[in-house]
Amino acid sequence: MNAVDLINKTKKSVPLTDGEIKWLIDSYTAGELPDYQMSAWLMAVCFNGLTDDETLALTYAMRDSGDIMCLDIPMTADKHSTGGVGDKTSLIIGPAAAACGVCMAKMSGRGLGHTGGTIDKLESIKGFRTDLCVQEFEDILHKTGFSVISQSDSLCPADKKIYALRNATGTVNSIPLICASIMSKKLATNADILLLDVKYGSGAFMKSRSDAERLADIMERIGRTAGKKCKAVVTDMDEPLGKNIGNALEVEEAINILRGNERGRLYEICIGLTADILELAGKGSRIECVAMAENAISSGAALEIFRRTIELQGGDPAVCGDTSLLPHSRFTYRVRAARDMKILGFDTEELGMVSLLLGAGRIGMDDRIDMSAGIVMSAQPGDYIVAGDTIMTLYSTICSDFSEAAVRAVNAVRSEKINCHIPLT
């Protein structure tokens, strides 16, 4: 085989065989195929796509490029989100599902972009460790039913190498490549149950619902073909998920929900996704699973599991009772309404870029995150506010000049002028 032939076949939309795809991935992972040839093939995929069979073969080839985890636990579940602004659902769903008797074994990566990933959020808790060996991971799962560790270099090395190349060559936006990247890692962690939360909207990677549905469909079919109990759901990310954006701020909001102090859209989404996991695990009907999820939070059982997991992973469990122990910013700035208005919505992607300016995210994997940085939303779509009211508050420790961030925050607000403080009916 040679790379040029395979590149030309994909350019002409001639399907590759399983063996050809495996050769391509193995050769690149081993360093035998140069970046310029792999990037040419990736670009051909972006233009012409892959068949479902090719996508499945690519997923398996990437999965098999490294180890496959094998835990000594009868049944484990994992939940993956394609990400979005303010998405801290794993911090709520994991403990809630564990409190209902489903072992949540989650391996996550660090975030690139507007805010950190699940690992970054958890590491805003003083002392919290995610660099656990498999035995430590397994021990915690036996004790609490919930643990999150950082992605291992031995799992899916092909994906790590290819993802970096895609990032550098403008070949990220391809449904087959996105699917293979996500599912190869999920299959390598080898959970029995997979819940895939595919986001769409201005604050998500997939901008249209139709694209999100296509991605969800093929990922679900790949999961089931691999013998997993798998479900993909599509959720809206046209507004931030919850009120807080940023690492420590999102942990604070997650803890407040686990303490039963907050309800709303984030709570409802987390209850629904937890119920999805419980259904896949055979815990009961939809109505029964929703009730179990709600009880896990209202009873305090989910919060106790989160507290115990924090303690076992080296973090300060007192944060569950006192969120002031989380990192706090040195500087704040209130974005206020210049006139009476009705909030129609937000450019959620732009809010993500504001949080990046404040230090809440990273552009390169070696960039340091300001764990205190982020945004707290005071207004939600549909709210009527008067001139001078706070729309959102910006937080940072590394950024004391909020001028650029504030302008972009104002521009992210979609509103209409009203002529009185109380809307006419």
Foldseek 3Di string as FASTA:
>chain_A
DDLVVVLVCLLVVNADDLVVLLCVLLCVLVVNDDLVSVLSSLVSCQVRNHDLVNLLSNLVSLQVSFAADDAPDPAAEEEAELDFFLPPLCLQLQLLLLLVPHQYQAEDEWDAFLFTDNVLLLPLFPFFAQQDDPVLSNVLCVVQSGDYHYDDCRGRVSLVVVVVSCVVNVSPPHLSNVLSSVSSRVVSHPGQEYEYEYEEPLGGPHPDPVSSVVSQVSNQVSCVVSVHLYHYDYDYRNAHQAFWGFRLRSVLVSLCVLQVNDDDDNNVVSLQSSLVRCVSVVVDDSVVSSVSSVCCRVVSSSLVSSLVNRVSSGGDSCCSVPSVSGDAFPAKDFQWAQFWWAFQGFSRNLQSVLQVVQFRHHNDPPDDGFRNWTKGAPDHHGDTDGGGHTGMMTGHHVDHDCVVSSVSRVVGTDIDHDDDRDDDD
